[in-house]
Protein backbone atom coordinates (compact mmCIF):
# COMPACT_ATOMS: atom_id res chain seq x y z
CA MET A 1 26.62 -66.04 -153.76
CA THR A 2 27.14 -67.87 -150.48
CA ASP A 3 24.11 -68.70 -148.41
CA THR A 4 24.13 -67.38 -144.87
CA PRO A 5 21.64 -68.25 -142.13
CA ASP A 6 19.92 -64.91 -142.77
CA THR A 7 19.52 -65.49 -146.52
CA LEU A 8 18.29 -69.03 -145.93
CA ARG A 9 15.60 -67.64 -143.60
CA THR A 10 14.30 -65.42 -146.40
CA ARG A 11 13.92 -68.15 -149.03
CA TYR A 12 10.55 -69.59 -149.89
CA LEU A 13 9.25 -72.41 -152.05
CA THR A 14 6.59 -71.09 -154.41
CA LEU A 15 3.52 -73.15 -155.19
CA ILE A 16 1.13 -72.73 -158.08
CA LEU A 17 -2.63 -72.70 -157.61
CA GLY A 18 -4.33 -71.78 -160.86
CA ASP A 19 -2.68 -68.56 -162.07
CA ASP A 20 -1.50 -67.53 -158.61
CA LEU A 21 1.76 -68.03 -156.72
CA TYR A 22 1.86 -68.88 -153.03
CA ALA A 23 4.95 -69.27 -150.87
CA VAL A 24 5.91 -71.41 -147.89
CA PRO A 25 9.16 -71.00 -145.93
CA LEU A 26 11.88 -73.18 -147.43
CA GLY A 27 13.09 -74.11 -143.95
CA ALA A 28 9.73 -75.78 -143.23
CA VAL A 29 9.84 -77.94 -146.40
CA LYS A 30 10.86 -81.53 -145.68
CA GLU A 31 9.81 -83.33 -148.86
CA ILE A 32 8.07 -82.75 -152.18
CA ARG A 33 6.04 -85.54 -153.82
CA GLY A 34 3.73 -85.99 -156.72
CA ASN A 35 0.31 -87.44 -156.07
CA CYS A 36 0.37 -89.54 -152.93
CA ALA A 37 -2.14 -91.64 -151.05
CA SER A 38 -3.97 -90.30 -148.04
CA VAL A 39 -6.33 -91.90 -145.57
CA ALA A 40 -9.71 -90.20 -145.17
CA LEU A 41 -10.46 -88.75 -141.74
CA GLU A 42 -13.83 -88.27 -140.07
CA GLY A 43 -14.91 -85.13 -138.24
CA VAL A 44 -12.41 -82.75 -139.84
CA PRO A 45 -13.05 -79.54 -141.82
CA PRO A 46 -13.53 -80.02 -145.59
CA TYR A 47 -10.12 -78.54 -146.44
CA VAL A 48 -8.39 -81.38 -144.54
CA VAL A 49 -8.68 -84.16 -147.10
CA GLY A 50 -7.02 -86.86 -145.05
CA ARG A 51 -3.85 -88.06 -143.38
CA LEU A 52 -0.67 -88.89 -145.24
CA ASP A 53 -0.56 -92.64 -145.72
CA GLN A 54 3.09 -93.15 -144.78
CA PRO A 55 4.38 -95.16 -141.81
CA GLY A 56 5.66 -92.94 -139.03
CA VAL A 57 4.12 -89.72 -140.37
CA ALA A 58 0.80 -88.60 -138.92
CA ALA A 59 0.36 -85.46 -140.98
CA PRO A 60 -2.95 -83.99 -142.06
CA VAL A 61 -3.25 -83.23 -145.77
CA VAL A 62 -4.58 -79.73 -146.47
CA ASP A 63 -5.96 -79.11 -149.95
CA LEU A 64 -4.87 -75.51 -150.52
CA ARG A 65 -7.62 -74.91 -153.08
CA ARG A 66 -10.26 -75.82 -150.49
CA ARG A 67 -8.48 -73.98 -147.67
CA LEU A 68 -8.29 -70.78 -149.74
CA ASP A 69 -11.86 -71.12 -151.09
CA MET A 70 -10.70 -71.59 -154.69
CA PRO A 71 -12.50 -73.66 -157.33
CA GLN A 72 -11.37 -77.27 -157.42
CA ALA A 73 -8.98 -78.39 -160.16
CA GLN A 74 -10.34 -80.48 -162.99
CA ALA A 75 -10.63 -84.19 -162.25
CA GLY A 76 -7.37 -85.95 -163.02
CA ALA A 77 -5.34 -82.72 -163.02
CA PRO A 78 -1.82 -83.19 -161.65
CA SER A 79 -1.02 -82.09 -158.12
CA VAL A 80 1.94 -81.98 -155.81
CA HIS A 81 2.16 -82.72 -152.09
CA VAL A 82 4.64 -80.81 -149.94
CA LEU A 83 5.48 -82.17 -146.50
CA LEU A 84 6.08 -79.28 -144.12
CA GLU A 85 7.25 -79.41 -140.55
CA ARG A 86 7.31 -76.61 -138.05
CA GLY A 87 8.27 -77.66 -134.55
CA LYS A 88 6.62 -81.01 -133.92
CA ARG A 89 3.57 -80.41 -136.11
CA PRO A 90 3.95 -81.98 -139.58
CA LEU A 91 1.58 -80.91 -142.33
CA VAL A 92 1.12 -81.83 -145.98
CA VAL A 93 -0.20 -79.25 -148.42
CA ARG A 94 -1.61 -80.14 -151.82
CA ALA A 95 -1.11 -77.64 -154.63
CA ASP A 96 -1.26 -77.73 -158.43
CA ALA A 97 2.53 -77.56 -158.85
CA VAL A 98 5.79 -76.32 -157.39
CA ALA A 99 7.29 -73.29 -159.15
CA ASP A 100 10.66 -72.22 -157.77
CA VAL A 101 12.67 -71.24 -154.72
CA VAL A 102 12.80 -67.47 -154.33
CA ASP A 103 14.42 -65.07 -151.91
CA LEU A 104 11.66 -62.69 -150.82
CA GLY A 105 13.89 -60.78 -148.41
CA ILE A 106 11.38 -61.32 -145.60
CA PRO A 107 12.54 -63.56 -142.74
CA ASP A 108 10.41 -66.53 -141.81
CA GLU A 109 9.25 -66.01 -138.25
CA PRO A 110 7.06 -68.73 -136.77
CA ALA A 111 3.89 -67.64 -135.02
CA THR A 112 4.31 -67.07 -131.32
CA THR A 113 0.75 -67.90 -130.32
CA GLU A 114 -1.34 -71.04 -130.46
CA GLY A 115 -4.59 -69.15 -129.88
CA PRO A 116 -7.13 -67.92 -132.39
CA ASP A 117 -6.02 -65.25 -134.78
CA ALA A 118 -7.88 -61.96 -134.98
CA ARG A 119 -7.67 -62.21 -138.79
CA ALA A 120 -9.57 -65.52 -138.69
CA ASP A 121 -10.79 -65.52 -142.31
CA LEU A 122 -7.35 -64.62 -143.68
CA ALA A 123 -5.16 -66.09 -140.93
CA TRP A 124 -3.46 -68.30 -143.53
CA LEU A 125 -2.08 -65.16 -145.24
CA ARG A 126 1.20 -63.94 -143.77
CA GLY A 127 1.88 -61.25 -146.33
CA VAL A 128 2.40 -60.34 -149.95
CA ALA A 129 5.72 -59.99 -151.74
CA ALA A 130 7.03 -59.64 -155.28
CA ALA A 131 9.18 -62.21 -157.07
CA ALA A 132 10.19 -61.92 -160.72
CA GLU A 133 7.61 -59.18 -161.19
CA ARG A 134 4.81 -61.40 -159.89
CA MET A 135 2.82 -61.06 -156.73
CA VAL A 136 3.39 -63.91 -154.27
CA LEU A 137 1.01 -64.59 -151.39
CA MET A 138 2.99 -65.82 -148.41
CA LEU A 139 1.26 -68.61 -146.50
CA ASP A 140 1.39 -68.79 -142.71
CA VAL A 141 2.23 -72.47 -142.19
CA ASP A 142 1.08 -72.28 -138.56
CA GLN A 143 -2.40 -71.16 -139.64
CA LEU A 144 -3.10 -73.54 -142.54
CA VAL A 145 -5.00 -75.71 -140.08
CA ALA A 146 -7.07 -73.10 -138.29
CA PRO A 147 -6.55 -73.00 -134.50
CA ALA A 148 -10.27 -73.70 -134.03
CA ASP A 149 -9.90 -76.89 -136.13
CA ARG A 150 -6.66 -78.28 -134.64
CA ALA A 151 -8.26 -80.27 -131.82
CA ALA A 152 -10.66 -82.00 -134.24
CA VAL A 153 -7.85 -82.79 -136.70
CA ASP A 154 -5.56 -84.12 -133.94
CA ALA A 155 -8.40 -86.24 -132.52
CA ALA A 156 -9.28 -87.66 -135.95
CA ILE A 157 -5.65 -88.60 -136.63
CA ALA A 158 -5.31 -90.21 -133.17
CA ALA A 159 -8.55 -92.18 -133.70
CA ASP A 160 -7.42 -93.32 -137.14
CA GLN A 161 -4.06 -94.46 -135.80
CA ALA A 162 -5.77 -96.34 -132.94
CA ARG A 163 -8.01 -98.16 -135.46
CA ALA A 164 -4.99 -99.07 -137.56
CA ALA A 165 -3.01 -100.43 -134.59
């Protein structure tokens, strides 16, 4: 099968959190890493566990378990960090593991608004699909850092970078 721009737009990287599968658009995935260092930030919501400690990348690290109100993994459990980029806003998400790339048949369409979402508590959820007879919760990359929290996260990253300079 030859990939076309339309089929590429419908592919997602699936992430494992506990027994559940979550998906992020494959086109937004820039890099996948194992455990990586992050720098703690002050004044950010609890689900933002820091900033990626890599020169030239000022990306907040979102712990998906915390963001989705799931119990924390056991201490020392493996995790994976996925660097995502949509537009000029990089983001790192931490999950238990990466599962697979799947074609969900649903095109990735970036959010068109920067404002608050009416679905505030579930704004991170873009939809639900099926892959290999499993339910996959599709994450809205643009909502993983809540609009109400973006200014605080951006300010904390800027302050941290100013201290480091």
